[in-house]
Amino acid sequence: MGLITQILTLPAAPVRGTVWVLDQVLLTAEREYYDPAPVREELAALEQQLLDGSIEEDEFDAREDELLDRLEWLEAQQQRLHTDS
């Protein structure tokens, strides 16, 4: 950018800065929302419940399938975020 362009676009600088900050906040929120770590923790806790005898194998299988589907979806969303940014 030349000096004249910088001078002419200077009044828009606060807007560009605000848009950049909002983009960063949105990106961080999406990364946290699509984080697969809590689902992995749920899977580990579910397995522990099965080992402790707190739940039956049928219930374990159903909940495990739901969590694995959710984990697969979250990992796909995270992959999308990494390719978009």
Protein backbone atom coordinates (compact mmCIF):
# COMPACT_ATOMS: atom_id res chain seq x y z
CA MET A 1 0.00 0.00 0.00
CA GLY A 2 1.22 3.41 -0.87
CA LEU A 3 1.26 6.42 1.42
CA ILE A 4 -1.76 8.05 -0.25
CA THR A 5 -3.81 4.86 0.05
CA GLN A 6 -2.91 4.58 3.73
CA ILE A 7 -3.93 8.18 4.36
CA LEU A 8 -7.22 7.79 2.46
CA THR A 9 -8.17 4.56 4.23
CA LEU A 10 -7.09 5.73 7.70
CA PRO A 11 -10.64 6.65 8.80
CA ALA A 12 -11.71 3.02 8.19
CA ALA A 13 -8.94 1.63 10.44
CA PRO A 14 -11.11 1.37 13.58
CA VAL A 15 -13.73 -0.56 11.63
CA ARG A 16 -11.14 -2.95 10.20
CA GLY A 17 -9.68 -3.44 13.67
CA THR A 18 -13.11 -4.16 15.16
CA VAL A 19 -13.92 -6.65 12.39
CA TRP A 20 -10.60 -8.41 12.97
CA VAL A 21 -11.25 -8.66 16.73
CA LEU A 22 -14.75 -10.02 16.12
CA ASP A 23 -13.37 -12.59 13.67
CA GLN A 24 -10.84 -13.74 16.28
CA VAL A 25 -13.52 -14.03 18.97
CA LEU A 26 -15.74 -16.04 16.62
CA LEU A 27 -12.89 -18.34 15.63
CA THR A 28 -11.99 -18.97 19.28
CA ALA A 29 -15.63 -19.66 20.18
CA GLU A 30 -15.97 -22.11 17.29
CA ARG A 31 -12.80 -23.93 18.32
CA GLU A 32 -14.09 -24.31 21.87
CA TYR A 33 -17.57 -25.36 20.72
CA TYR A 34 -16.19 -28.01 18.37
CA ASP A 35 -13.56 -29.27 20.84
CA PRO A 36 -13.74 -33.10 20.97
CA ALA A 37 -11.99 -33.35 24.37
CA PRO A 38 -15.19 -33.29 26.49
CA VAL A 39 -16.67 -36.10 24.38
CA ARG A 40 -13.52 -38.17 24.85
CA GLU A 41 -13.80 -37.58 28.60
CA GLU A 42 -17.44 -38.72 28.48
CA LEU A 43 -16.36 -41.87 26.65
CA ALA A 44 -13.75 -42.62 29.30
CA ALA A 45 -16.26 -42.02 32.10
CA LEU A 46 -18.78 -44.24 30.32
CA GLU A 47 -16.27 -47.05 30.04
CA GLN A 48 -15.44 -46.67 33.73
CA GLN A 49 -19.16 -46.95 34.56
CA LEU A 50 -19.30 -50.18 32.58
CA LEU A 51 -16.26 -51.56 34.38
CA ASP A 52 -17.73 -50.55 37.76
CA GLY A 53 -20.99 -52.25 36.89
CA SER A 54 -22.97 -49.00 37.15
CA ILE A 55 -24.54 -49.51 33.73
CA GLU A 56 -25.50 -52.51 31.63
CA GLU A 57 -23.73 -53.37 28.41
CA ASP A 58 -26.79 -52.52 26.29
CA GLU A 59 -26.94 -49.00 27.71
CA PHE A 60 -23.19 -48.67 27.29
CA ASP A 61 -23.39 -49.68 23.63
CA ALA A 62 -26.18 -47.20 22.88
CA ARG A 63 -24.49 -44.28 24.64
CA GLU A 64 -21.10 -45.18 23.16
CA ASP A 65 -22.57 -45.14 19.64
CA GLU A 66 -24.06 -41.68 20.26
CA LEU A 67 -20.79 -40.34 21.65
CA LEU A 68 -18.72 -41.81 18.82
CA ASP A 69 -21.06 -40.28 16.23
CA ARG A 70 -20.78 -36.92 18.01
CA LEU A 71 -16.99 -37.25 18.21
CA GLU A 72 -16.78 -37.99 14.49
CA TRP A 73 -18.91 -34.93 13.71
CA LEU A 74 -16.84 -32.69 16.01
CA GLU A 75 -13.57 -33.85 14.47
CA ALA A 76 -14.96 -33.14 10.99
CA GLN A 77 -15.98 -29.65 12.11
CA GLN A 78 -12.53 -29.03 13.59
CA GLN A 79 -10.94 -30.15 10.35
CA ARG A 80 -13.17 -27.67 8.50
CA LEU A 81 -12.08 -24.88 10.85
CA HIS A 82 -8.41 -25.65 10.26
CA THR A 83 -8.81 -25.60 6.50
CA ASP A 84 -10.87 -22.37 6.57
CA SER A 85 -8.40 -20.40 8.67
